[in-house]
């Protein structure tokens, strides 16, 4: 019985990881559509301001989705 709970929690964690990455990609694409410049070009140029904004967006989405998944495991 304990093994089933461990495997189920592992499965939830893997699915949650993929969902988190999916929502991070969606968040990045939404940010790219909302701005009047091409985010990928600015990142390749080394624009630190854009890098920090994208970093903040990805961290925020990751924390939010991670908390939802973590609370779902209980």
N, C-alpha and C. Protein backbone atom coordinates (compact mmCIF):
# COMPACT_ATOMS: atom_id res chain seq x y z
N UNK A 1 0.81 -1.19 0.00
CA UNK A 1 0.00 0.00 0.00
C UNK A 1 0.86 1.26 0.00
N UNK A 2 1.95 1.24 0.74
CA UNK A 2 2.85 2.39 0.81
C UNK A 2 3.50 2.65 -0.56
N UNK A 3 3.84 1.59 -1.27
CA UNK A 3 4.47 1.73 -2.58
C UNK A 3 3.51 2.41 -3.56
N UNK A 4 2.24 2.09 -3.48
CA UNK A 4 1.26 2.71 -4.38
C UNK A 4 1.17 4.20 -4.13
N UNK A 5 1.19 4.61 -2.88
CA UNK A 5 1.14 6.04 -2.55
C UNK A 5 2.38 6.75 -3.05
N UNK A 6 3.54 6.11 -2.91
CA UNK A 6 4.79 6.71 -3.38
C UNK A 6 4.76 6.86 -4.90
N UNK A 7 4.33 5.82 -5.60
CA UNK A 7 4.27 5.88 -7.06
C UNK A 7 3.25 6.91 -7.54
N UNK A 8 2.12 7.00 -6.84
CA UNK A 8 1.10 7.98 -7.21
C UNK A 8 1.62 9.41 -7.01
N UNK A 9 2.29 9.66 -5.90
CA UNK A 9 2.88 10.98 -5.67
C UNK A 9 3.96 11.29 -6.69
N UNK A 10 4.75 10.29 -7.07
CA UNK A 10 5.77 10.49 -8.10
C UNK A 10 5.12 10.84 -9.44
N UNK A 11 4.05 10.15 -9.77
CA UNK A 11 3.32 10.43 -11.01
C UNK A 11 2.76 11.84 -11.00
N UNK A 12 2.17 12.25 -9.86
CA UNK A 12 1.65 13.61 -9.73
C UNK A 12 2.77 14.64 -9.90
N UNK A 13 3.93 14.35 -9.35
CA UNK A 13 5.05 15.28 -9.46
C UNK A 13 5.53 15.41 -10.90
N UNK A 14 5.61 14.30 -11.60
CA UNK A 14 6.06 14.34 -13.00
C UNK A 14 5.05 15.09 -13.86
N UNK A 15 3.79 14.78 -13.69
CA UNK A 15 2.74 15.49 -14.44
C UNK A 15 2.75 16.97 -14.09
N UNK A 16 2.91 17.27 -12.81
CA UNK A 16 2.98 18.66 -12.38
C UNK A 16 4.16 19.39 -12.96
N UNK A 17 5.29 18.71 -13.08
CA UNK A 17 6.47 19.33 -13.69
C UNK A 17 6.22 19.68 -15.15
N UNK A 18 5.60 18.78 -15.88
CA UNK A 18 5.30 19.06 -17.28
C UNK A 18 4.26 20.18 -17.41
N UNK A 19 3.27 20.18 -16.52
CA UNK A 19 2.28 21.26 -16.56
C UNK A 19 2.92 22.61 -16.24
N UNK A 20 3.84 22.62 -15.30
CA UNK A 20 4.53 23.86 -14.96
C UNK A 20 5.33 24.38 -16.15
N UNK A 21 6.06 23.50 -16.83
CA UNK A 21 6.81 23.91 -18.02
C UNK A 21 5.87 24.39 -19.11
N UNK A 22 4.74 23.73 -19.27
CA UNK A 22 3.76 24.14 -20.27
C UNK A 22 3.26 25.56 -19.99
N UNK A 23 2.88 25.83 -18.73
CA UNK A 23 2.39 27.14 -18.39
C UNK A 23 3.48 28.21 -18.46
N UNK A 24 4.74 27.83 -18.23
CA UNK A 24 5.84 28.78 -18.39
C UNK A 24 5.99 29.18 -19.85
N UNK A 25 5.87 28.22 -20.75
CA UNK A 25 5.96 28.51 -22.18
C UNK A 25 4.79 29.40 -22.60
N UNK A 26 3.60 29.09 -22.11
CA UNK A 26 2.42 29.91 -22.44
C UNK A 26 2.61 31.34 -21.91
N UNK A 27 3.13 31.47 -20.70
CA UNK A 27 3.37 32.80 -20.12
C UNK A 27 4.38 33.60 -20.92
N UNK A 28 5.45 32.92 -21.37
CA UNK A 28 6.46 33.59 -22.19
C UNK A 28 5.86 34.04 -23.53
N UNK A 29 5.07 33.17 -24.14
CA UNK A 29 4.46 33.52 -25.44
C UNK A 29 3.47 34.68 -25.27
N UNK A 30 2.72 34.69 -24.17
CA UNK A 30 1.80 35.79 -23.93
C UNK A 30 2.56 37.10 -23.74
N UNK A 31 3.66 37.06 -22.98
CA UNK A 31 4.48 38.25 -22.79
C UNK A 31 5.03 38.73 -24.13
N UNK A 32 5.46 37.80 -24.97
CA UNK A 32 6.00 38.15 -26.28
C UNK A 32 4.94 38.81 -27.16
N UNK A 33 3.70 38.34 -27.08
CA UNK A 33 2.61 38.93 -27.88
C UNK A 33 2.19 40.30 -27.35
N UNK A 34 2.27 40.51 -26.04
CA UNK A 34 1.80 41.76 -25.44
C UNK A 34 2.79 42.91 -25.62
N UNK A 35 4.05 42.62 -25.86
CA UNK A 35 5.05 43.68 -26.01
C UNK A 35 5.19 44.05 -27.49
N UNK A 36 5.64 45.27 -27.72
CA UNK A 36 5.77 45.74 -29.10
C UNK A 36 7.12 45.38 -29.73
N UNK A 37 7.96 44.69 -28.99
CA UNK A 37 9.26 44.25 -29.52
C UNK A 37 9.31 42.73 -29.50
N UNK A 38 10.27 42.18 -30.23
CA UNK A 38 10.45 40.73 -30.28
C UNK A 38 11.32 40.32 -29.09
N UNK A 39 10.75 39.58 -28.17
CA UNK A 39 11.46 39.21 -26.95
C UNK A 39 12.67 38.34 -27.26
N UNK A 40 12.54 37.42 -28.18
CA UNK A 40 13.66 36.54 -28.52
C UNK A 40 14.84 37.32 -29.06
N UNK A 41 14.58 38.32 -29.91
CA UNK A 41 15.66 39.14 -30.44
C UNK A 41 16.34 39.92 -29.33
N UNK A 42 15.55 40.49 -28.43
CA UNK A 42 16.12 41.26 -27.33
C UNK A 42 16.94 40.38 -26.39
N UNK A 43 16.48 39.16 -26.18
CA UNK A 43 17.25 38.24 -25.34
C UNK A 43 18.57 37.85 -26.00
N UNK A 44 18.54 37.66 -27.32
CA UNK A 44 19.77 37.29 -28.02
C UNK A 44 20.76 38.45 -28.07
N UNK A 45 20.25 39.69 -28.02
CA UNK A 45 21.13 40.87 -27.98
C UNK A 45 21.75 41.07 -26.60
N UNK A 46 21.20 40.42 -25.60
CA UNK A 46 21.73 40.54 -24.25
C UNK A 46 21.09 41.67 -23.46
N UNK A 47 19.86 42.02 -23.79
CA UNK A 47 19.15 43.08 -23.08
C UNK A 47 18.80 42.59 -21.67
N UNK A 48 19.51 43.13 -20.69
CA UNK A 48 19.37 42.64 -19.32
C UNK A 48 17.99 42.96 -18.75
N UNK A 49 17.41 44.08 -19.11
CA UNK A 49 16.08 44.44 -18.59
C UNK A 49 15.04 43.41 -19.02
N UNK A 50 15.07 43.02 -20.28
CA UNK A 50 14.11 42.02 -20.78
C UNK A 50 14.39 40.67 -20.13
N UNK A 51 15.66 40.35 -19.95
CA UNK A 51 16.01 39.09 -19.30
C UNK A 51 15.44 39.02 -17.89
N UNK A 52 15.54 40.11 -17.15
CA UNK A 52 15.03 40.12 -15.78
C UNK A 52 13.51 40.02 -15.73
N UNK A 53 12.84 40.68 -16.67
CA UNK A 53 11.38 40.60 -16.71
C UNK A 53 10.94 39.17 -17.03
N UNK A 54 11.56 38.56 -18.02
CA UNK A 54 11.21 37.17 -18.38
C UNK A 54 11.53 36.24 -17.22
N UNK A 55 12.65 36.46 -16.55
CA UNK A 55 13.02 35.66 -15.39
C UNK A 55 11.96 35.78 -14.30
N UNK A 56 11.51 36.99 -14.04
CA UNK A 56 10.47 37.20 -13.03
C UNK A 56 9.16 36.51 -13.39
N UNK A 57 8.80 36.57 -14.66
CA UNK A 57 7.57 35.91 -15.10
C UNK A 57 7.68 34.40 -14.92
N UNK A 58 8.80 33.82 -15.32
CA UNK A 58 8.97 32.37 -15.22
C UNK A 58 9.03 31.91 -13.77
N UNK A 59 9.70 32.67 -12.91
CA UNK A 59 9.77 32.30 -11.50
C UNK A 59 8.38 32.41 -10.87
N UNK A 60 7.66 33.47 -11.18
CA UNK A 60 6.32 33.64 -10.62
C UNK A 60 5.37 32.54 -11.02
N UNK A 61 5.38 32.19 -12.29
CA UNK A 61 4.52 31.10 -12.76
C UNK A 61 4.94 29.78 -12.13
N UNK A 62 6.24 29.55 -12.05
CA UNK A 62 6.74 28.30 -11.46
C UNK A 62 6.35 28.15 -10.00
N UNK A 63 6.46 29.24 -9.23
CA UNK A 63 6.08 29.18 -7.82
C UNK A 63 4.58 28.95 -7.68
N UNK A 64 3.79 29.68 -8.45
CA UNK A 64 2.34 29.55 -8.34
C UNK A 64 1.87 28.15 -8.69
N UNK A 65 2.32 27.63 -9.81
CA UNK A 65 1.90 26.29 -10.23
C UNK A 65 2.48 25.24 -9.28
N UNK A 66 3.72 25.44 -8.83
CA UNK A 66 4.32 24.50 -7.88
C UNK A 66 3.56 24.40 -6.58
N UNK A 67 3.08 25.53 -6.08
CA UNK A 67 2.29 25.51 -4.85
C UNK A 67 0.97 24.79 -5.05
N UNK A 68 0.34 25.01 -6.19
CA UNK A 68 -0.92 24.32 -6.46
C UNK A 68 -0.70 22.81 -6.54
N UNK A 69 0.36 22.41 -7.21
CA UNK A 69 0.65 20.97 -7.32
C UNK A 69 1.03 20.40 -5.96
N UNK A 70 1.83 21.12 -5.20
CA UNK A 70 2.25 20.64 -3.88
C UNK A 70 1.07 20.47 -2.94
N UNK A 71 0.13 21.39 -3.00
CA UNK A 71 -1.05 21.28 -2.14
C UNK A 71 -1.94 20.12 -2.60
N UNK A 72 -1.90 19.81 -3.88
CA UNK A 72 -2.69 18.71 -4.40
C UNK A 72 -2.17 17.35 -3.97
N UNK A 73 -0.87 17.27 -3.62
CA UNK A 73 -0.31 16.00 -3.20
C UNK A 73 -0.76 15.60 -1.80
N UNK A 74 -1.18 16.57 -1.03
CA UNK A 74 -1.62 16.24 0.35
C UNK A 74 -2.97 15.70 0.27
